[in-house]
Amino acid sequence: MDFWRELWLFLRSRRKWWLPPLILALLLTGLLILLAGSSQLVPFFYPLF
């Protein structure tokens, strides 16, 4: 939790408002890749690509 707190304080103090959407997009892409690895969910991900 300390990492997220420090990240938030850094973003707030340096006014890097473009970073949170980028971090969120990267996390969602990683989650999608992890979920696509399971054989039962693969057919649902093919239309996305």
Protein backbone atom coordinates (compact mmCIF):
# COMPACT_ATOMS: atom_id res chain seq x y z
CA MET A 1 0.00 0.00 0.00
CA ASP A 2 2.93 2.30 0.60
CA PHE A 3 3.88 2.17 -3.07
CA TRP A 4 0.44 3.31 -4.21
CA ARG A 5 0.40 6.11 -1.65
CA GLU A 6 3.80 7.38 -2.77
CA LEU A 7 2.78 7.11 -6.42
CA TRP A 8 -0.37 9.14 -5.75
CA LEU A 9 1.58 11.80 -3.85
CA PHE A 10 4.13 12.01 -6.67
CA LEU A 11 1.44 12.37 -9.33
CA ARG A 12 -0.40 14.99 -7.30
CA SER A 13 2.65 17.07 -6.43
CA ARG A 14 4.21 16.98 -9.93
CA ARG A 15 0.84 17.37 -11.71
CA LYS A 16 1.42 14.38 -13.97
CA TRP A 17 -2.28 13.89 -14.74
CA TRP A 18 -1.53 12.02 -17.99
CA LEU A 19 0.09 9.11 -16.13
CA PRO A 20 -2.93 7.56 -14.34
CA PRO A 21 -4.81 6.74 -17.58
CA LEU A 22 -1.61 5.26 -19.01
CA ILE A 23 -1.03 3.11 -15.92
CA LEU A 24 -4.67 2.01 -15.95
CA ALA A 25 -4.47 1.06 -19.64
CA LEU A 26 -1.32 -0.98 -19.03
CA LEU A 27 -2.88 -2.77 -16.06
CA LEU A 28 -6.03 -3.58 -18.04
CA THR A 29 -3.98 -4.85 -20.97
CA GLY A 30 -1.99 -7.10 -18.63
CA LEU A 31 -5.20 -8.39 -17.08
CA LEU A 32 -6.62 -9.10 -20.52
CA ILE A 33 -3.50 -11.05 -21.46
CA LEU A 34 -3.71 -13.09 -18.25
CA LEU A 35 -7.38 -13.87 -18.81
CA ALA A 36 -6.81 -14.75 -22.45
CA GLY A 37 -4.45 -17.49 -21.34
CA SER A 38 -7.27 -19.58 -19.94
CA SER A 39 -8.74 -21.81 -22.62
CA GLN A 40 -12.38 -21.24 -21.69
CA LEU A 41 -12.30 -17.46 -22.18
CA VAL A 42 -10.26 -17.32 -25.41
CA PRO A 43 -13.27 -17.25 -27.80
CA PHE A 44 -14.55 -14.10 -26.11
CA PHE A 45 -11.27 -12.25 -26.64
CA TYR A 46 -10.79 -12.99 -30.34
CA PRO A 47 -13.35 -10.37 -31.49
CA LEU A 48 -11.43 -7.70 -29.57
CA PHE A 49 -8.37 -8.18 -31.75
